[in-house]
Structure formats: structure tokens, C-alpha cells
């Protein structure tokens, strides 16, 4: 997976054109949680196939170590979410509170 380098200032400028930057931050946070959950699921699925060693004193489980290092190379979910919003790969809509709808 490629490394994500995103300029936060450019993201902020682009998102502030749409409205509140805080809405964008909330959307990025929600997307980052989705990405993190997916990565955890993938990691647990890969680790489930590995037979644990009977005794910890036997040494390092190299299969677990290899998989852990592979997942450590992934970019942080926050950076992935920021890049997706910047590239307009995801969109979001913040619904209005019920009170505002009834007062109109």
C-alpha cells in the first residue's frame, strides 16, 4: 500500500469551501474508525490461522511477527480518511437537528 502524504492545510482550505471544517473533521473521524475496524478485522482473521506456541519460553512465533510487521506498514487510518476526503472519494452529509426542522 502506498504511503499517504496529505497536506492538512490544503484539506482545510478545500473543506472550508463547503462549510464548517468541524463537519469535515467529524466525517474524517467516522471514516477513520471504519478503516481501523476493517484493519483490525483483517489482522484478527490472519492471526486466527496461526497456531500459537504451547509455551512462551519456546521463543518467538515468526508467523505472528511477520503478519504484525506487515500490518505496521499500513498508513494510519486518519491519514487514509483525510486523503479520501481530499480526493473527494467519499462524501458526507450531516443531518439537521430535529428542532431546526420543526421551527422552519
N, C-alpha and C. Protein backbone atom coordinates (compact mmCIF):
# COMPACT_ATOMS: atom_id res chain seq x y z
N UNK A 1 0.84 -1.17 0.00
CA UNK A 1 0.00 0.00 0.00
C UNK A 1 0.89 1.23 0.00
N UNK A 2 0.51 2.20 -0.81
CA UNK A 2 1.34 3.40 -0.90
C UNK A 2 1.25 4.24 0.36
N UNK A 3 2.28 5.04 0.57
CA UNK A 3 2.28 5.95 1.70
C UNK A 3 1.41 7.15 1.36
N UNK A 4 0.63 7.60 2.33
CA UNK A 4 -0.23 8.74 2.13
C UNK A 4 0.42 9.96 2.76
N UNK A 5 0.66 10.95 1.94
CA UNK A 5 1.17 12.22 2.44
C UNK A 5 0.12 13.25 2.05
N UNK A 6 -0.51 13.83 3.04
CA UNK A 6 -1.58 14.79 2.81
C UNK A 6 -1.23 16.08 3.53
N UNK A 7 -1.41 17.17 2.85
CA UNK A 7 -1.16 18.47 3.44
C UNK A 7 -2.43 18.92 4.17
N UNK A 8 -2.42 18.97 5.50
CA UNK A 8 -3.63 19.34 6.25
C UNK A 8 -4.15 20.73 5.90
N UNK A 9 -3.28 21.64 5.52
CA UNK A 9 -3.72 22.99 5.18
C UNK A 9 -4.58 22.95 3.91
N UNK A 10 -4.16 22.16 2.92
CA UNK A 10 -4.94 22.05 1.69
C UNK A 10 -6.29 21.39 1.96
N UNK A 11 -6.30 20.40 2.82
CA UNK A 11 -7.57 19.75 3.18
C UNK A 11 -8.48 20.77 3.85
N UNK A 12 -7.93 21.54 4.76
CA UNK A 12 -8.74 22.53 5.48
C UNK A 12 -9.29 23.58 4.53
N UNK A 13 -8.47 24.05 3.59
CA UNK A 13 -8.93 25.05 2.63
C UNK A 13 -10.05 24.48 1.76
N UNK A 14 -9.86 23.27 1.29
CA UNK A 14 -10.86 22.65 0.43
C UNK A 14 -12.16 22.42 1.19
N UNK A 15 -12.07 21.93 2.41
CA UNK A 15 -13.26 21.63 3.20
C UNK A 15 -13.97 22.89 3.68
N UNK A 16 -13.22 23.96 3.93
CA UNK A 16 -13.86 25.18 4.40
C UNK A 16 -14.69 25.83 3.30
N UNK A 17 -14.42 25.49 2.04
CA UNK A 17 -15.25 25.98 0.93
C UNK A 17 -16.66 25.40 1.02
N UNK A 18 -16.78 24.20 1.56
CA UNK A 18 -18.07 23.52 1.66
C UNK A 18 -18.89 24.00 2.84
N UNK A 19 -18.26 24.53 3.84
CA UNK A 19 -18.97 24.93 5.05
C UNK A 19 -18.07 24.81 6.25
N UNK A 20 -18.57 24.19 7.27
CA UNK A 20 -17.84 24.08 8.52
C UNK A 20 -16.73 23.03 8.45
N UNK A 21 -15.54 23.41 8.84
CA UNK A 21 -14.42 22.47 8.89
C UNK A 21 -14.67 21.40 9.94
N UNK A 22 -15.46 21.73 10.96
CA UNK A 22 -15.73 20.77 12.03
C UNK A 22 -16.57 19.60 11.53
N UNK A 23 -17.46 19.86 10.58
CA UNK A 23 -18.22 18.76 9.97
C UNK A 23 -17.28 17.81 9.23
N UNK A 24 -16.29 18.37 8.57
CA UNK A 24 -15.31 17.54 7.86
C UNK A 24 -14.49 16.71 8.84
N UNK A 25 -14.14 17.30 9.96
CA UNK A 25 -13.35 16.58 10.97
C UNK A 25 -14.16 15.41 11.52
N UNK A 26 -15.45 15.64 11.78
CA UNK A 26 -16.32 14.57 12.27
C UNK A 26 -16.41 13.46 11.23
N UNK A 27 -16.59 13.83 9.97
CA UNK A 27 -16.69 12.83 8.89
C UNK A 27 -15.38 12.05 8.76
N UNK A 28 -14.25 12.74 8.85
CA UNK A 28 -12.95 12.05 8.77
C UNK A 28 -12.77 11.10 9.94
N UNK A 29 -13.20 11.52 11.12
CA UNK A 29 -13.09 10.65 12.30
C UNK A 29 -13.93 9.40 12.15
N UNK A 30 -15.14 9.57 11.64
CA UNK A 30 -16.01 8.40 11.44
C UNK A 30 -15.42 7.45 10.41
N UNK A 31 -14.89 8.02 9.33
CA UNK A 31 -14.29 7.18 8.28
C UNK A 31 -13.03 6.50 8.81
N UNK A 32 -12.23 7.19 9.61
CA UNK A 32 -11.02 6.60 10.17
C UNK A 32 -11.37 5.41 11.07
N UNK A 33 -12.48 5.54 11.84
CA UNK A 33 -12.92 4.41 12.67
C UNK A 33 -13.33 3.22 11.82
N UNK A 34 -14.01 3.48 10.71
CA UNK A 34 -14.39 2.39 9.80
C UNK A 34 -13.15 1.68 9.27
N UNK A 35 -12.18 2.46 8.84
CA UNK A 35 -10.93 1.89 8.30
C UNK A 35 -10.21 1.09 9.37
N UNK A 36 -10.13 1.64 10.58
CA UNK A 36 -9.46 0.96 11.69
C UNK A 36 -10.15 -0.37 12.01
N UNK A 37 -11.48 -0.37 12.03
CA UNK A 37 -12.22 -1.60 12.29
C UNK A 37 -11.94 -2.65 11.21
N UNK A 38 -11.86 -2.21 9.96
CA UNK A 38 -11.56 -3.13 8.87
C UNK A 38 -10.16 -3.73 9.02
N UNK A 39 -9.19 -2.89 9.37
CA UNK A 39 -7.81 -3.36 9.54
C UNK A 39 -7.74 -4.35 10.70
N UNK A 40 -8.43 -4.05 11.82
CA UNK A 40 -8.45 -4.98 12.95
C UNK A 40 -9.07 -6.32 12.56
N UNK A 41 -10.16 -6.26 11.79
CA UNK A 41 -10.82 -7.48 11.34
C UNK A 41 -9.86 -8.32 10.49
N UNK A 42 -9.18 -7.66 9.55
CA UNK A 42 -8.22 -8.36 8.69
C UNK A 42 -7.09 -8.98 9.51
N UNK A 43 -6.57 -8.23 10.47
CA UNK A 43 -5.48 -8.72 11.31
C UNK A 43 -5.93 -9.94 12.12
N UNK A 44 -7.09 -9.84 12.75
CA UNK A 44 -7.60 -10.96 13.53
C UNK A 44 -7.87 -12.18 12.66
N UNK A 45 -8.34 -11.95 11.45
CA UNK A 45 -8.60 -13.06 10.54
C UNK A 45 -7.30 -13.76 10.15
N UNK A 46 -6.27 -12.97 9.88
CA UNK A 46 -4.97 -13.56 9.52
C UNK A 46 -4.33 -14.27 10.71
N UNK A 47 -4.48 -13.69 11.91
CA UNK A 47 -3.88 -14.28 13.11
C UNK A 47 -4.61 -15.56 13.54
N UNK A 48 -5.88 -15.69 13.17
CA UNK A 48 -6.66 -16.86 13.56
C UNK A 48 -6.10 -18.14 12.92
N UNK A 49 -5.46 -18.01 11.78
CA UNK A 49 -4.90 -19.17 11.08
C UNK A 49 -3.61 -19.67 11.69
N UNK A 50 -3.00 -18.87 12.55
CA UNK A 50 -1.71 -19.23 13.14
C UNK A 50 -1.92 -20.05 14.40
N UNK A 51 -1.19 -21.12 14.49
CA UNK A 51 -1.25 -21.98 15.67
C UNK A 51 -0.32 -21.40 16.72
N UNK A 52 -0.85 -21.04 17.89
CA UNK A 52 0.02 -20.45 18.92
C UNK A 52 0.97 -21.50 19.49
N UNK A 53 2.11 -21.03 19.95
CA UNK A 53 3.08 -21.93 20.58
C UNK A 53 2.55 -22.35 21.94
N UNK A 54 2.88 -23.56 22.35
CA UNK A 54 2.39 -24.10 23.61
C UNK A 54 3.00 -23.40 24.81
N UNK A 55 4.26 -23.06 24.68
CA UNK A 55 4.96 -22.45 25.80
C UNK A 55 5.65 -21.19 25.30
N UNK A 56 5.46 -20.09 26.00
CA UNK A 56 6.07 -18.83 25.58
C UNK A 56 7.59 -18.87 25.66
N UNK A 57 8.13 -19.78 26.46
CA UNK A 57 9.59 -19.84 26.59
C UNK A 57 10.25 -20.49 25.38
N UNK A 58 9.43 -21.07 24.46
CA UNK A 58 9.99 -21.70 23.26
C UNK A 58 10.57 -20.67 22.30
N UNK A 59 10.13 -19.45 22.38
CA UNK A 59 10.68 -18.42 21.51
C UNK A 59 9.59 -17.65 20.80
N UNK A 60 10.02 -16.96 19.77
CA UNK A 60 9.15 -16.06 19.03
C UNK A 60 8.38 -16.86 17.98
N UNK A 61 7.12 -16.53 17.82
CA UNK A 61 6.32 -17.10 16.74
C UNK A 61 6.55 -16.21 15.52
N UNK A 62 7.35 -16.69 14.57
CA UNK A 62 7.76 -15.87 13.44
C UNK A 62 6.61 -15.57 12.48
N UNK A 63 5.61 -16.44 12.44
CA UNK A 63 4.44 -16.16 11.60
C UNK A 63 3.69 -14.94 12.13
N UNK A 64 3.49 -14.89 13.44
CA UNK A 64 2.83 -13.73 14.05
C UNK A 64 3.66 -12.46 13.84
N UNK A 65 4.94 -12.58 14.00
CA UNK A 65 5.83 -11.44 13.83
C UNK A 65 5.77 -10.90 12.41
N UNK A 66 5.77 -11.79 11.44
CA UNK A 66 5.70 -11.39 10.03
C UNK A 66 4.40 -10.64 9.73
N UNK A 67 3.28 -11.19 10.21
CA UNK A 67 1.99 -10.54 9.97
C UNK A 67 1.92 -9.19 10.67
N UNK A 68 2.42 -9.12 11.89
CA UNK A 68 2.42 -7.84 12.62
C UNK A 68 3.23 -6.78 11.90
N UNK A 69 4.37 -7.16 11.40
CA UNK A 69 5.21 -6.19 10.66
C UNK A 69 4.54 -5.75 9.37
N UNK A 70 3.84 -6.67 8.73
CA UNK A 70 3.12 -6.34 7.51
C UNK A 70 2.04 -5.29 7.79
N UNK A 71 1.30 -5.46 8.88
CA UNK A 71 0.24 -4.51 9.23
C UNK A 71 0.81 -3.21 9.77
N UNK A 72 2.00 -3.21 10.34
CA UNK A 72 2.63 -1.98 10.82
C UNK A 72 2.98 -1.04 9.68
N UNK A 73 3.13 -1.58 8.48
CA UNK A 73 3.49 -0.75 7.32
C UNK A 73 2.31 0.02 6.76
N UNK A 74 1.09 -0.35 7.15
CA UNK A 74 -0.09 0.35 6.67
C UNK A 74 -0.08 1.78 7.18
N UNK A 75 -0.54 2.73 6.36
CA UNK A 75 -0.65 4.09 6.86
C UNK A 75 -1.74 4.18 7.93
N UNK A 76 -1.67 5.19 8.73
CA UNK A 76 -2.64 5.39 9.80
C UNK A 76 -4.03 5.64 9.20
N UNK A 77 -5.08 5.10 9.83
CA UNK A 77 -6.44 5.30 9.32
C UNK A 77 -6.83 6.77 9.17
N UNK A 78 -6.33 7.63 10.03
CA UNK A 78 -6.64 9.06 9.93
C UNK A 78 -6.10 9.65 8.63
N UNK A 79 -4.89 9.26 8.25
CA UNK A 79 -4.32 9.76 7.01
C UNK A 79 -5.08 9.24 5.80
N UNK A 80 -5.50 7.99 5.86
CA UNK A 80 -6.27 7.43 4.75
C UNK A 80 -7.60 8.18 4.61
N UNK A 81 -8.28 8.42 5.72
CA UNK A 81 -9.55 9.15 5.69
C UNK A 81 -9.36 10.56 5.17
N UNK A 82 -8.30 11.23 5.62
CA UNK A 82 -8.03 12.59 5.17
C UNK A 82 -7.79 12.63 3.66
N UNK A 83 -7.05 11.66 3.18
CA UNK A 83 -6.76 11.61 1.73
C UNK A 83 -8.03 11.31 0.94
N UNK A 84 -8.87 10.43 1.45
CA UNK A 84 -10.11 10.12 0.74
C UNK A 84 -11.02 11.34 0.65
N UNK A 85 -11.10 12.11 1.71
CA UNK A 85 -11.92 13.32 1.67
C UNK A 85 -11.30 14.35 0.74
N UNK A 86 -9.99 14.49 0.78
CA UNK A 86 -9.30 15.45 -0.07
C UNK A 86 -9.49 15.11 -1.54
N UNK A 87 -9.44 13.82 -1.87
CA UNK A 87 -9.60 13.39 -3.27
C UNK A 87 -11.06 13.23 -3.66
N UNK A 88 -11.95 13.58 -2.75
CA UNK A 88 -13.40 13.51 -2.96
C UNK A 88 -13.87 12.09 -3.31
N UNK A 89 -13.22 11.10 -2.69
CA UNK A 89 -13.62 9.71 -2.87
C UNK A 89 -14.81 9.37 -1.98
N UNK A 90 -14.98 10.13 -0.90
CA UNK A 90 -16.13 9.93 -0.03
C UNK A 90 -16.83 11.26 0.16
N UNK A 91 -18.12 11.18 0.36
CA UNK A 91 -18.89 12.38 0.65
C UNK A 91 -19.64 12.14 1.95
N UNK A 92 -20.12 13.19 2.53
CA UNK A 92 -20.83 13.08 3.79
C UNK A 92 -21.92 14.13 3.84
N UNK A 93 -22.91 13.86 4.65
CA UNK A 93 -23.98 14.81 4.88
C UNK A 93 -24.32 14.77 6.36
N UNK A 94 -24.29 15.90 6.99
CA UNK A 94 -24.63 16.00 8.39
C UNK A 94 -26.11 16.40 8.46
N UNK A 95 -26.96 15.55 9.01
CA UNK A 95 -28.38 15.90 9.07
C UNK A 95 -28.62 17.04 10.05
N UNK A 96 -29.65 17.81 9.77
CA UNK A 96 -30.02 18.90 10.67
C UNK A 96 -30.69 18.32 11.90
N UNK A 97 -30.50 18.96 13.05
CA UNK A 97 -31.21 18.51 14.25
C UNK A 97 -32.72 18.64 14.05
N UNK A 98 -33.48 17.80 14.72
CA UNK A 98 -34.94 17.79 14.59
C UNK A 98 -35.56 19.13 14.98
N UNK A 99 -34.99 19.81 15.96
CA UNK A 99 -35.53 21.09 16.41
C UNK A 99 -35.54 22.12 15.30
N UNK A 100 -34.48 22.16 14.50
CA UNK A 100 -34.39 23.14 13.42
C UNK A 100 -35.40 22.83 12.32
N UNK A 101 -35.66 21.56 12.06
CA UNK A 101 -36.60 21.19 11.02
C UNK A 101 -38.02 21.62 11.40
N UNK A 102 -38.37 21.48 12.65
CA UNK A 102 -39.73 21.80 13.09
C UNK A 102 -39.97 23.30 13.17
N UNK A 103 -38.92 24.08 13.40
CA UNK A 103 -39.08 25.54 13.52
C UNK A 103 -39.20 26.23 12.17
N UNK A 104 -38.95 25.55 11.10
CA UNK A 104 -38.98 26.20 9.77
C UNK A 104 -40.36 26.21 9.22
